[in-house]
C-alpha atoms as a PDB file:
ATOM      1  CA  UNK A   1     119.458  89.111 121.654  1.00  0.00           C
ATOM      2  CA  UNK A   2     123.244  88.275 121.461  1.00  0.00           C
ATOM      3  CA  UNK A   3     123.103  89.533 117.926  1.00  0.00           C
ATOM      4  CA  UNK A   4     122.053  93.089 119.137  1.00  0.00           C
ATOM      5  CA  UNK A   5     125.253  95.345 119.312  1.00  0.00           C
ATOM      6  CA  UNK A   6     126.177  95.645 123.008  1.00  0.00           C
ATOM      7  CA  UNK A   7     126.028  99.395 122.980  1.00  0.00           C
ATOM      8  CA  UNK A   8     122.415  99.296 121.897  1.00  0.00           C
ATOM      9  CA  UNK A   9     121.675  96.857 125.031  1.00  0.00           C
ATOM     10  CA  UNK A  10     123.503  99.277 127.069  1.00  0.00           C
ATOM     11  CA  UNK A  11     121.495 102.063 125.859  1.00  0.00           C
ATOM     12  CA  UNK A  12     118.248 100.067 126.593  1.00  0.00           C
ATOM     13  CA  UNK A  13     119.397  99.616 130.282  1.00  0.00           C
ATOM     14  CA  UNK A  14     120.313 103.326 130.586  1.00  0.00           C
ATOM     15  CA  UNK A  15     117.370 104.910 128.990  1.00  0.00           C
ATOM     16  CA  UNK A  16     114.447 102.693 128.869  1.00  0.00           C
ATOM     17  CA  UNK A  17     112.165 102.753 132.063  1.00  0.00           C
ATOM     18  CA  UNK A  18     109.072 100.514 131.589  1.00  0.00           C
ATOM     19  CA  UNK A  19     105.764 100.519 133.344  1.00  0.00           C
ATOM     20  CA  UNK A  20     104.392  97.044 132.607  1.00  0.00           C
ATOM     21  CA  UNK A  21     100.869  95.911 133.613  1.00  0.00           C
ATOM     22  CA  UNK A  22      99.272  92.445 133.232  1.00  0.00           C
ATOM     23  CA  UNK A  23      97.728  89.340 134.527  1.00  0.00           C
ATOM     24  CA  UNK A  24      99.148  85.804 134.401  1.00  0.00           C
ATOM     25  CA  UNK A  25      99.493  85.393 130.778  1.00  0.00           C
ATOM     26  CA  UNK A  26     101.448  88.656 130.594  1.00  0.00           C
ATOM     27  CA  UNK A  27     103.899  87.344 133.062  1.00  0.00           C
ATOM     28  CA  UNK A  28     105.448  85.320 130.241  1.00  0.00           C
ATOM     29  CA  UNK A  29     107.702  88.463 129.496  1.00  0.00           C
ATOM     30  CA  UNK A  30     108.781  88.971 132.881  1.00  0.00           C
ATOM     31  CA  UNK A  31     109.433  85.218 133.621  1.00  0.00           C
ATOM     32  CA  UNK A  32     111.253  85.037 130.496  1.00  0.00           C
ATOM     33  CA  UNK A  33     113.408  88.152 131.112  1.00  0.00           C
ATOM     34  CA  UNK A  34     114.436  86.771 134.644  1.00  0.00           C
ATOM     35  CA  UNK A  35     115.296  83.364 133.144  1.00  0.00           C
ATOM     36  CA  UNK A  36     117.132  85.057 130.384  1.00  0.00           C
ATOM     37  CA  UNK A  37     119.323  87.080 132.843  1.00  0.00           C
ATOM     38  CA  UNK A  38     120.035  83.836 134.768  1.00  0.00           C
ATOM     39  CA  UNK A  39     121.350  82.349 131.565  1.00  0.00           C
ATOM     40  CA  UNK A  40     123.124  85.556 130.573  1.00  0.00           C
ATOM     41  CA  UNK A  41     123.659  88.203 133.219  1.00  0.00           C
ATOM     42  CA  UNK A  42     124.514  90.903 130.635  1.00  0.00           C
ATOM     43  CA  UNK A  43     121.000  91.088 130.101  1.00  0.00           C
ATOM     44  CA  UNK A  44     120.085  92.411 133.650  1.00  0.00           C
ATOM     45  CA  UNK A  45     116.715  93.296 134.484  1.00  0.00           C
ATOM     46  CA  UNK A  46     115.419  94.892 137.640  1.00  0.00           C
ATOM     47  CA  UNK A  47     111.530  94.309 138.108  1.00  0.00           C
ATOM     48  CA  UNK A  48     109.728  96.123 140.911  1.00  0.00           C
ATOM     49  CA  UNK A  49     106.475  95.089 142.251  1.00  0.00           C
ATOM     50  CA  UNK A  50     104.422  98.422 142.164  1.00  0.00           C
ATOM     51  CA  UNK A  51     107.508 100.537 142.006  1.00  0.00           C
ATOM     52  CA  UNK A  52     110.288 101.489 139.525  1.00  0.00           C
ATOM     53  CA  UNK A  53     113.640 100.071 140.676  1.00  0.00           C
ATOM     54  CA  UNK A  54     116.780 102.482 140.185  1.00  0.00           C
ATOM     55  CA  UNK A  55     119.411  99.989 139.206  1.00  0.00           C
ATOM     56  CA  UNK A  56     122.348 100.964 137.012  1.00  0.00           C
ATOM     57  CA  UNK A  57     123.021  98.615 134.295  1.00  0.00           C
ATOM     58  CA  UNK A  58     119.638  96.991 134.217  1.00  0.00           C
ATOM     59  CA  UNK A  59     116.420  97.449 132.395  1.00  0.00           C
ATOM     60  CA  UNK A  60     114.181  98.772 135.053  1.00  0.00           C
ATOM     61  CA  UNK A  61     110.450  97.878 135.008  1.00  0.00           C
ATOM     62  CA  UNK A  62     107.623  99.060 137.070  1.00  0.00           C
ATOM     63  CA  UNK A  63     105.551  95.915 137.351  1.00  0.00           C
ATOM     64  CA  UNK A  64     101.730  96.787 138.002  1.00  0.00           C
ATOM     65  CA  UNK A  65      99.888  99.698 139.401  1.00  0.00           C
ATOM     66  CA  UNK A  66     100.497 101.658 142.473  1.00  0.00           C
ATOM     67  CA  UNK A  67      99.320  98.880 144.864  1.00  0.00           C
ATOM     68  CA  UNK A  68      98.526  95.976 142.585  1.00  0.00           C
ATOM     69  CA  UNK A  69     100.346  93.629 140.235  1.00  0.00           C
ATOM     70  CA  UNK A  70      97.499  91.529 138.917  1.00  0.00           C
ATOM     71  CA  UNK A  71      96.045  94.079 136.364  1.00  0.00           C
ATOM     72  CA  UNK A  72      92.933  93.381 134.610  1.00  0.00           C
ATOM     73  CA  UNK A  73      91.400  95.805 131.808  1.00  0.00           C
ATOM     74  CA  UNK A  74      89.622  97.701 134.580  1.00  0.00           C
ATOM     75  CA  UNK A  75      92.557  98.459 136.432  1.00  0.00           C
ATOM     76  CA  UNK A  76      94.493 100.002 133.402  1.00  0.00           C
ATOM     77  CA  UNK A  77      92.426 101.361 130.616  1.00  0.00           C
ATOM     78  CA  UNK A  78      88.731 100.171 130.685  1.00  0.00           C
ATOM     79  CA  UNK A  79      87.261 102.337 133.415  1.00  0.00           C
ATOM     80  CA  UNK A  80      87.751 105.783 134.735  1.00  0.00           C
ATOM     81  CA  UNK A  81      89.226 104.465 137.912  1.00  0.00           C
ATOM     82  CA  UNK A  82      91.795 102.170 135.861  1.00  0.00           C
ATOM     83  CA  UNK A  83      92.826 105.177 133.793  1.00  0.00           C
ATOM     84  CA  UNK A  84      93.416 107.059 136.779  1.00  0.00           C
ATOM     85  CA  UNK A  85      95.520 104.258 138.265  1.00  0.00           C
ATOM     86  CA  UNK A  86      97.770 104.226 135.108  1.00  0.00           C
ATOM     87  CA  UNK A  87      97.828 108.080 135.440  1.00  0.00           C
ATOM     88  CA  UNK A  88      99.074 107.925 138.968  1.00  0.00           C
ATOM     89  CA  UNK A  89     101.949 105.599 138.003  1.00  0.00           C
ATOM     90  CA  UNK A  90     103.175 107.733 135.246  1.00  0.00           C
ATOM     91  CA  UNK A  91     102.747 111.155 137.027  1.00  0.00           C
ATOM     92  CA  UNK A  92     104.342 109.708 140.128  1.00  0.00           C
ATOM     93  CA  UNK A  93     107.246 108.106 138.220  1.00  0.00           C
ATOM     94  CA  UNK A  94     108.292 110.947 135.625  1.00  0.00           C
ATOM     95  CA  UNK A  95     111.383 108.649 134.702  1.00  0.00           C
ATOM     96  CA  UNK A  96     109.057 106.226 133.025  1.00  0.00           C
ATOM     97  CA  UNK A  97     109.121 106.618 129.171  1.00  0.00           C
ATOM     98  CA  UNK A  98     107.315 103.404 128.136  1.00  0.00           C
ATOM     99  CA  UNK A  99     104.112 101.728 129.310  1.00  0.00           C
ATOM    100  CA  UNK A 100     102.193  98.500 128.224  1.00  0.00           C
ATOM    101  CA  UNK A 101      99.160  96.456 129.276  1.00  0.00           C
ATOM    102  CA  UNK A 102      98.993  92.769 128.468  1.00  0.00           C
ATOM    103  CA  UNK A 103      95.907  90.837 127.615  1.00  0.00           C
ATOM    104  CA  UNK A 104      94.772  87.660 129.304  1.00  0.00           C
ATOM    105  CA  UNK A 105      92.021  85.868 127.298  1.00  0.00           C
ATOM    106  CA  UNK A 106      89.646  88.947 126.933  1.00  0.00           C
ATOM    107  CA  UNK A 107      90.309  89.254 123.136  1.00  0.00           C
ATOM    108  CA  UNK A 108      88.542  85.827 122.699  1.00  0.00           C
ATOM    109  CA  UNK A 109      85.283  87.278 123.523  1.00  0.00           C
ATOM    110  CA  UNK A 110      85.491  90.946 122.966  1.00  0.00           C
ATOM    111  CA  UNK A 111      83.723  92.449 120.150  1.00  0.00           C
ATOM    112  CA  UNK A 112      84.919  95.201 117.740  1.00  0.00           C
ATOM    113  CA  UNK A 113      83.708  98.018 119.747  1.00  0.00           C
ATOM    114  CA  UNK A 114      85.486  96.889 123.055  1.00  0.00           C
ATOM    115  CA  UNK A 115      88.666  96.597 121.128  1.00  0.00           C
ATOM    116  CA  UNK A 116      88.158 100.055 119.902  1.00  0.00           C
ATOM    117  CA  UNK A 117      87.698 101.393 123.487  1.00  0.00           C
ATOM    118  CA  UNK A 118      90.789  99.916 124.240  1.00  0.00           C
ATOM    119  CA  UNK A 119      92.708 101.581 121.409  1.00  0.00           C
ATOM    120  CA  UNK A 120      90.775 104.921 122.145  1.00  0.00           C
ATOM    121  CA  UNK A 121      91.930 104.592 125.873  1.00  0.00           C
ATOM    122  CA  UNK A 122      95.510 104.150 125.065  1.00  0.00           C
ATOM    123  CA  UNK A 123      95.376 106.933 122.478  1.00  0.00           C
ATOM    124  CA  UNK A 124      94.003 109.292 125.263  1.00  0.00           C
ATOM    125  CA  UNK A 125      96.839 108.358 127.552  1.00  0.00           C
ATOM    126  CA  UNK A 126      99.158 109.075 124.716  1.00  0.00           C
ATOM    127  CA  UNK A 127      97.960 112.611 124.305  1.00  0.00           C
ATOM    128  CA  UNK A 128      98.126 113.285 128.180  1.00  0.00           C
ATOM    129  CA  UNK A 129     101.647 111.773 128.407  1.00  0.00           C
ATOM    130  CA  UNK A 130     103.462 112.803 125.271  1.00  0.00           C
ATOM    131  CA  UNK A 131     106.870 111.876 126.747  1.00  0.00           C
ATOM    132  CA  UNK A 132     105.558 108.183 127.259  1.00  0.00           C
ATOM    133  CA  UNK A 133     105.744 105.713 124.376  1.00  0.00           C
ATOM    134  CA  UNK A 134     102.617 103.222 124.840  1.00  0.00           C
ATOM    135  CA  UNK A 135     103.211  99.687 123.489  1.00  0.00           C
ATOM    136  CA  UNK A 136     100.112  98.217 122.171  1.00  0.00           C
ATOM    137  CA  UNK A 137      99.652  94.302 122.352  1.00  0.00           C
ATOM    138  CA  UNK A 138      97.683  91.459 120.824  1.00  0.00           C
ATOM    139  CA  UNK A 139      96.004  88.785 122.842  1.00  0.00           C
ATOM    140  CA  UNK A 140      97.618  85.315 123.408  1.00  0.00           C
ATOM    141  CA  UNK A 141      96.720  82.758 120.735  1.00  0.00           C
ATOM    142  CA  UNK A 142      96.097  79.630 122.905  1.00  0.00           C
ATOM    143  CA  UNK A 143      92.209  79.370 122.264  1.00  0.00           C
ATOM    144  CA  UNK A 144      90.860  77.565 119.196  1.00  0.00           C
ATOM    145  CA  UNK A 145      87.218  77.264 117.915  1.00  0.00           C
ATOM    146  CA  UNK A 146      84.983  80.150 117.640  1.00  0.00           C
ATOM    147  CA  UNK A 147      86.941  82.129 120.477  1.00  0.00           C
ATOM    148  CA  UNK A 148      90.255  81.635 118.622  1.00  0.00           C
ATOM    149  CA  UNK A 149      88.618  82.937 115.562  1.00  0.00           C
ATOM    150  CA  UNK A 150      87.160  85.988 117.373  1.00  0.00           C
ATOM    151  CA  UNK A 151      90.655  86.582 118.765  1.00  0.00           C
ATOM    152  CA  UNK A 152      92.152  86.332 115.337  1.00  0.00           C
ATOM    153  CA  UNK A 153      89.969  89.012 114.042  1.00  0.00           C
ATOM    154  CA  UNK A 154      90.204  91.367 116.966  1.00  0.00           C
ATOM    155  CA  UNK A 155      93.940  91.004 117.032  1.00  0.00           C
ATOM    156  CA  UNK A 156      93.990  92.023 113.482  1.00  0.00           C
ATOM    157  CA  UNK A 157      91.866  94.939 114.314  1.00  0.00           C
ATOM    158  CA  UNK A 158      94.724  96.126 116.723  1.00  0.00           C
ATOM    159  CA  UNK A 159      97.377  95.248 114.335  1.00  0.00           C
ATOM    160  CA  UNK A 160      95.784  97.592 111.524  1.00  0.00           C
ATOM    161  CA  UNK A 161      95.316 100.110 113.986  1.00  0.00           C
ATOM    162  CA  UNK A 162      98.819 100.202 114.958  1.00  0.00           C
ATOM    163  CA  UNK A 163     100.135  99.939 111.298  1.00  0.00           C
ATOM    164  CA  UNK A 164      97.836 102.781 109.971  1.00  0.00           C
ATOM    165  CA  UNK A 165      98.663 104.948 113.079  1.00  0.00           C
ATOM    166  CA  UNK A 166     102.395 104.206 113.370  1.00  0.00           C
ATOM    167  CA  UNK A 167     102.013 102.763 116.793  1.00  0.00           C
ATOM    168  CA  UNK A 168     104.408 100.510 118.780  1.00  0.00           C
ATOM    169  CA  UNK A 169     103.019  96.799 118.669  1.00  0.00           C
ATOM    170  CA  UNK A 170     104.360  93.858 120.715  1.00  0.00           C
ATOM    171  CA  UNK A 171     102.604  91.004 118.855  1.00  0.00           C
ATOM    172  CA  UNK A 172     102.214  88.440 121.701  1.00  0.00           C
ATOM    173  CA  UNK A 173      99.792  86.289 119.606  1.00  0.00           C
ATOM    174  CA  UNK A 174     102.326  86.193 116.691  1.00  0.00           C
ATOM    175  CA  UNK A 175     105.112  84.926 119.032  1.00  0.00           C
ATOM    176  CA  UNK A 176     102.755  82.229 120.381  1.00  0.00           C
ATOM    177  CA  UNK A 177     102.318  80.846 116.775  1.00  0.00           C
ATOM    178  CA  UNK A 178     105.689  80.698 115.460  1.00  0.00           C
ATOM    179  CA  UNK A 179     108.314  78.081 116.582  1.00  0.00           C
ATOM    180  CA  UNK A 180     111.813  77.754 115.169  1.00  0.00           C
ATOM    181  CA  UNK A 181     112.597  73.940 114.443  1.00  0.00           C
ATOM    182  CA  UNK A 182     116.379  73.298 115.109  1.00  0.00           C
ATOM    183  CA  UNK A 183     115.992  70.113 113.007  1.00  0.00           C
ATOM    184  CA  UNK A 184     114.938  71.610 109.911  1.00  0.00           C
ATOM    185  CA  UNK A 185     116.367  75.081 110.536  1.00  0.00           C
ATOM    186  CA  UNK A 186     113.023  76.635 109.382  1.00  0.00           C
ATOM    187  CA  UNK A 187     110.248  78.694 111.476  1.00  0.00           C
ATOM    188  CA  UNK A 188     106.920  76.959 111.666  1.00  0.00           C
ATOM    189  CA  UNK A 189     103.653  78.632 112.234  1.00  0.00           C
ATOM    190  CA  UNK A 190     100.910  76.561 113.922  1.00  0.00           C
ATOM    191  CA  UNK A 191      97.282  77.157 112.514  1.00  0.00           C
ATOM    192  CA  UNK A 192      93.935  75.252 112.814  1.00  0.00           C
ATOM    193  CA  UNK A 193      90.999  75.261 110.251  1.00  0.00           C
ATOM    194  CA  UNK A 194      87.986  77.408 110.789  1.00  0.00           C
ATOM    195  CA  UNK A 195      85.376  78.890 108.477  1.00  0.00           C
ATOM    196  CA  UNK A 196      87.565  77.469 105.541  1.00  0.00           C
ATOM    197  CA  UNK A 197      90.492  79.582 106.875  1.00  0.00           C
ATOM    198  CA  UNK A 198      93.857  78.451 108.575  1.00  0.00           C
ATOM    199  CA  UNK A 199      93.652  80.430 112.022  1.00  0.00           C
ATOM    200  CA  UNK A 200      97.006  80.918 113.734  1.00  0.00           C
ATOM    201  CA  UNK A 201      97.108  79.165 117.267  1.00  0.00           C
ATOM    202  CA  UNK A 202      99.855  78.648 119.824  1.00  0.00           C
ATOM    203  CA  UNK A 203     102.558  76.201 118.405  1.00  0.00           C
ATOM    204  CA  UNK A 204     102.387  72.754 120.163  1.00  0.00           C
ATOM    205  CA  UNK A 205     106.004  73.290 121.318  1.00  0.00           C
ATOM    206  CA  UNK A 206     104.654  75.857 123.584  1.00  0.00           C
ATOM    207  CA  UNK A 207     101.808  73.847 125.097  1.00  0.00           C
ATOM    208  CA  UNK A 208     102.796  73.684 128.810  1.00  0.00           C
ATOM    209  CA  UNK A 209     102.631  75.337 132.138  1.00  0.00           C
ATOM    210  CA  UNK A 210     106.102  76.178 133.038  1.00  0.00           C
ATOM    211  CA  UNK A 211     105.131  79.836 133.734  1.00  0.00           C
ATOM    212  CA  UNK A 212     102.226  82.139 132.652  1.00  0.00           C
ATOM    213  CA  UNK A 213     100.487  79.197 131.026  1.00  0.00           C
ATOM    214  CA  UNK A 214     103.258  78.370 128.594  1.00  0.00           C
ATOM    215  CA  UNK A 215     106.555  76.625 128.394  1.00  0.00           C
ATOM    216  CA  UNK A 216     109.972  77.837 129.277  1.00  0.00           C
ATOM    217  CA  UNK A 217     110.805  78.267 125.563  1.00  0.00           C
ATOM    218  CA  UNK A 218     107.853  80.319 124.957  1.00  0.00           C
ATOM    219  CA  UNK A 219     108.768  82.656 127.814  1.00  0.00           C
ATOM    220  CA  UNK A 220     112.315  82.901 126.404  1.00  0.00           C
ATOM    221  CA  UNK A 221     110.952  83.804 122.934  1.00  0.00           C
ATOM    222  CA  UNK A 222     109.053  86.651 124.417  1.00  0.00           C
ATOM    223  CA  UNK A 223     112.060  87.846 126.537  1.00  0.00           C
ATOM    224  CA  UNK A 224     114.081  87.853 123.328  1.00  0.00           C
ATOM    225  CA  UNK A 225     111.464  89.854 121.514  1.00  0.00           C
ATOM    226  CA  UNK A 226     111.351  92.420 124.443  1.00  0.00           C
ATOM    227  CA  UNK A 227     115.125  93.160 124.355  1.00  0.00           C
ATOM    228  CA  UNK A 228     114.849  93.349 120.506  1.00  0.00           C
ATOM    229  CA  UNK A 229     111.924  95.665 120.657  1.00  0.00           C
ATOM    230  CA  UNK A 230     113.545  98.084 123.127  1.00  0.00           C
ATOM    231  CA  UNK A 231     116.779  98.014 121.260  1.00  0.00           C
ATOM    232  CA  UNK A 232     114.938  99.282 118.174  1.00  0.00           C
ATOM    233  CA  UNK A 233     113.095 101.612 119.986  1.00  0.00           C
ATOM    234  CA  UNK A 234     116.306 103.059 121.339  1.00  0.00           C
ATOM    235  CA  UNK A 235     117.678 103.692 117.718  1.00  0.00           C
ATOM    236  CA  UNK A 236     119.229 100.341 116.676  1.00  0.00           C
ATOM    237  CA  UNK A 237     118.435  99.603 113.077  1.00  0.00           C
ATOM    238  CA  UNK A 238     118.684  95.818 112.735  1.00  0.00           C
ATOM    239  CA  UNK A 239     119.064  94.030 109.435  1.00  0.00           C
ATOM    240  CA  UNK A 240     115.856  92.920 107.992  1.00  0.00           C
ATOM    241  CA  UNK A 241     114.836  89.405 107.112  1.00  0.00           C
ATOM    242  CA  UNK A 242     113.812  90.919 103.719  1.00  0.00           C
ATOM    243  CA  UNK A 243     117.099  91.954 102.258  1.00  0.00           C
ATOM    244  CA  UNK A 244     117.447  95.680 101.869  1.00  0.00           C
ATOM    245  CA  UNK A 245     120.141  97.162  99.434  1.00  0.00           C
ATOM    246  CA  UNK A 246     121.203 100.720  99.096  1.00  0.00           C
ATOM    247  CA  UNK A 247     119.884 101.824  95.738  1.00  0.00           C
ATOM    248  CA  UNK A 248     121.926 103.746  93.356  1.00  0.00           C
ATOM    249  CA  UNK A 249     121.002 107.303  92.333  1.00  0.00           C
ATOM    250  CA  UNK A 250     119.146 105.923  89.193  1.00  0.00           C
ATOM    251  CA  UNK A 251     117.343 103.384  91.152  1.00  0.00           C
ATOM    252  CA  UNK A 252     115.472 105.710  93.386  1.00  0.00           C
ATOM    253  CA  UNK A 253     111.683 105.505  93.005  1.00  0.00           C
ATOM    254  CA  UNK A 254     108.290 105.671  94.476  1.00  0.00           C
ATOM    255  CA  UNK A 255     105.455 103.224  94.814  1.00  0.00           C
ATOM    256  CA  UNK A 256     102.332 102.558  96.599  1.00  0.00           C
ATOM    257  CA  UNK A 257      99.551  99.895  96.969  1.00  0.00           C
ATOM    258  CA  UNK A 258      96.005 100.792  96.629  1.00  0.00           C
ATOM    259  CA  UNK A 259      93.432  99.728  98.284  1.00  0.00           C
ATOM    260  CA  UNK A 260      95.312  99.372 101.538  1.00  0.00           C
ATOM    261  CA  UNK A 261      94.107  97.834 103.581  1.00  0.00           C
ATOM    262  CA  UNK A 262      92.574  95.409 101.108  1.00  0.00           C
ATOM    263  CA  UNK A 263      89.828  92.662 101.193  1.00  0.00           C
ATOM    264  CA  UNK A 264      90.125  90.825  97.880  1.00  0.00           C
ATOM    265  CA  UNK A 265      93.000  92.270  95.773  1.00  0.00           C
ATOM    266  CA  UNK A 266      95.461  95.215  95.945  1.00  0.00           C
ATOM    267  CA  UNK A 267      97.259  96.904  93.232  1.00  0.00           C
ATOM    268  CA  UNK A 268     100.952  97.731  93.518  1.00  0.00           C
ATOM    269  CA  UNK A 269     101.938 100.815  91.470  1.00  0.00           C
ATOM    270  CA  UNK A 270     105.444 102.024  90.603  1.00  0.00           C
ATOM    271  CA  UNK A 271     107.159 103.839  87.881  1.00  0.00           C
ATOM    272  CA  UNK A 272     110.378 102.341  86.713  1.00  0.00           C
ATOM    273  CA  UNK A 273     112.951 105.022  85.303  1.00  0.00           C
ATOM    274  CA  UNK A 274     115.098 102.569  83.470  1.00  0.00           C
ATOM    275  CA  UNK A 275     114.550  99.378  81.234  1.00  0.00           C
ATOM    276  CA  UNK A 276     115.221  96.492  83.426  1.00  0.00           C
ATOM    277  CA  UNK A 277     114.373  92.952  84.677  1.00  0.00           C
ATOM    278  CA  UNK A 278     111.655  93.681  87.312  1.00  0.00           C
ATOM    279  CA  UNK A 279     110.682  91.432  90.326  1.00  0.00           C
ATOM    280  CA  UNK A 280     107.762  92.052  92.451  1.00  0.00           C
ATOM    281  CA  UNK A 281     107.675  89.935  95.589  1.00  0.00           C
ATOM    282  CA  UNK A 282     105.411  89.627  98.669  1.00  0.00           C
ATOM    283  CA  UNK A 283     106.769  88.715 102.012  1.00  0.00           C
ATOM    284  CA  UNK A 284     105.081  88.054 105.474  1.00  0.00           C
ATOM    285  CA  UNK A 285     106.048  89.716 108.794  1.00  0.00           C
ATOM    286  CA  UNK A 286     108.733  86.910 109.347  1.00  0.00           C
ATOM    287  CA  UNK A 287     110.395  87.805 106.165  1.00  0.00           C
ATOM    288  CA  UNK A 288     109.427  84.630 104.422  1.00  0.00           C
ATOM    289  CA  UNK A 289     108.599  84.880 100.657  1.00  0.00           C
ATOM    290  CA  UNK A 290     104.897  84.424 100.025  1.00  0.00           C
ATOM    291  CA  UNK A 291     104.720  85.046  96.395  1.00  0.00           C
ATOM    292  CA  UNK A 292     106.586  86.537  93.410  1.00  0.00           C
ATOM    293  CA  UNK A 293     104.086  88.479  91.642  1.00  0.00           C
ATOM    294  CA  UNK A 294     106.020  89.336  88.636  1.00  0.00           C
ATOM    295  CA  UNK A 295     109.521  88.443  87.348  1.00  0.00           C
ATOM    296  CA  UNK A 296     110.496  89.818  83.772  1.00  0.00           C
ATOM    297  CA  UNK A 297     111.847  92.620  81.664  1.00  0.00           C
ATOM    298  CA  UNK A 298     109.833  96.000  81.501  1.00  0.00           C
ATOM    299  CA  UNK A 299     110.611  99.158  79.860  1.00  0.00           C
ATOM    300  CA  UNK A 300     110.591 102.482  81.527  1.00  0.00           C
ATOM    301  CA  UNK A 301     107.223 103.857  82.596  1.00  0.00           C
ATOM    302  CA  UNK A 302     104.382 103.525  84.756  1.00  0.00           C
ATOM    303  CA  UNK A 303     103.514  99.797  85.813  1.00  0.00           C
ATOM    304  CA  UNK A 304     101.050  98.000  88.289  1.00  0.00           C
ATOM    305  CA  UNK A 305     100.532  94.480  89.430  1.00  0.00           C
ATOM    306  CA  UNK A 306      97.806  92.867  91.417  1.00  0.00           C
ATOM    307  CA  UNK A 307      97.997  90.434  94.550  1.00  0.00           C
ATOM    308  CA  UNK A 308      94.997  88.560  95.470  1.00  0.00           C
ATOM    309  CA  UNK A 309      96.321  87.564  99.081  1.00  0.00           C
ATOM    310  CA  UNK A 310      97.213  84.108  97.815  1.00  0.00           C
ATOM    311  CA  UNK A 311     100.620  82.300  98.106  1.00  0.00           C
ATOM    312  CA  UNK A 312     102.628  80.740  95.279  1.00  0.00           C
ATOM    313  CA  UNK A 313     100.726  77.596  95.911  1.00  0.00           C
ATOM    314  CA  UNK A 314      97.483  79.522  95.520  1.00  0.00           C
ATOM    315  CA  UNK A 315      96.751  78.909  99.398  1.00  0.00           C
ATOM    316  CA  UNK A 316      94.709  81.867 100.960  1.00  0.00           C
ATOM    317  CA  UNK A 317      97.101  83.947 103.261  1.00  0.00           C
ATOM    318  CA  UNK A 318      96.122  84.865 106.813  1.00  0.00           C
ATOM    319  CA  UNK A 319      94.925  88.430 107.543  1.00  0.00           C
ATOM    320  CA  UNK A 320      97.721  90.600 108.476  1.00  0.00           C
ATOM    321  CA  UNK A 321     100.601  92.829 107.652  1.00  0.00           C
ATOM    322  CA  UNK A 322     102.700  91.960 104.501  1.00  0.00           C
ATOM    323  CA  UNK A 323     105.544  93.660 102.625  1.00  0.00           C
ATOM    324  CA  UNK A 324     106.127  94.023  98.873  1.00  0.00           C
ATOM    325  CA  UNK A 325     109.495  94.624  97.434  1.00  0.00           C
ATOM    326  CA  UNK A 326     110.368  95.756  93.797  1.00  0.00           C
ATOM    327  CA  UNK A 327     113.602  95.110  92.429  1.00  0.00           C
ATOM    328  CA  UNK A 328     115.203  96.417  89.238  1.00  0.00           C
ATOM    329  CA  UNK A 329     118.097  94.323  87.879  1.00  0.00           C
ATOM    330  CA  UNK A 330     118.440  92.565  91.124  1.00  0.00           C
ATOM    331  CA  UNK A 331     118.551  95.663  93.206  1.00  0.00           C
ATOM    332  CA  UNK A 332     115.822  97.045  95.518  1.00  0.00           C
ATOM    333  CA  UNK A 333     114.024  99.836  94.000  1.00  0.00           C
ATOM    334  CA  UNK A 334     111.079 100.422  96.180  1.00  0.00           C
ATOM    335  CA  UNK A 335     109.228  98.642  99.076  1.00  0.00           C
ATOM    336  CA  UNK A 336     106.037  99.146 101.404  1.00  0.00           C
ATOM    337  CA  UNK A 337     103.626  97.510 103.637  1.00  0.00           C
ATOM    338  CA  UNK A 338     100.255  96.282 102.943  1.00  0.00           C
ATOM    339  CA  UNK A 339      97.337  94.982 105.195  1.00  0.00           C
ATOM    340  CA  UNK A 340      95.233  92.016 104.138  1.00  0.00           C
ATOM    341  CA  UNK A 341      91.997  92.217 106.105  1.00  0.00           C
ATOM    342  CA  UNK A 342      89.227  89.867 104.693  1.00  0.00           C
END
């Protein structure tokens, strides 16, 4: 968060009023936010149990519903009563402009239709409260075995919905699985084998019970992500992990991937308007290069290249969101998102 310009943090504290409902796992965010404030008072938060604080110079959070703070699905979106409880908070606090509900372990067992019910309910609330941005969330990644595999599938259902419909997503599960190794200077993703796939799971560095069923470090990581998210929602344009260069006038082009989402293979189409050395690369959400699909000289005209969802080492990539980048003579020509969904 220290890399976020101070004026954008000030903007978050002035303009973002957040309704946040959760059970114990979701408290990882609020615990982390409080701990981070103790470490750096500039990142001040005011968290009110069942009310919205009005504290200048703080990110103000209404924690829970009108009279409860431990919020299961039926108390936010899964029942008519839960929907009404959410409506009551938003109608009674017109200053609130963000709302989110955090999963506990339900994604480990919920089926596709139950996850769709969650997506439909939040979409309905969005239509009823157009001045409120609803933040979708994935479920925590602590479980292995068949439950972890189901969670993996259902989290991807949520991710795909958010990507296709341009929704805001706080990827709780992804934050569980990635840990920065200070010794190597690299990010590490933790996985376990299931059904001949590598399924993401909470990194061992986060196995603990400091708060919210995890470690201090994991709570901190989610606090960092929260500040980052709200700064972006406030209008900050951060530098991306995948380097973006401003194209010159003769390097402005369009591209697309089809099919998208894809199961086995997607084709990346583009039209080069100059003769150039063309590089087509695939990156994951963390900005790490997965594979260079093509690197060579091409003439002007329409071209396409296929990606089969495998890495440079021919390993099957995990389901999720990826990005392609096309460079002409070393300069970014076009880029886009693609969803792998086997």
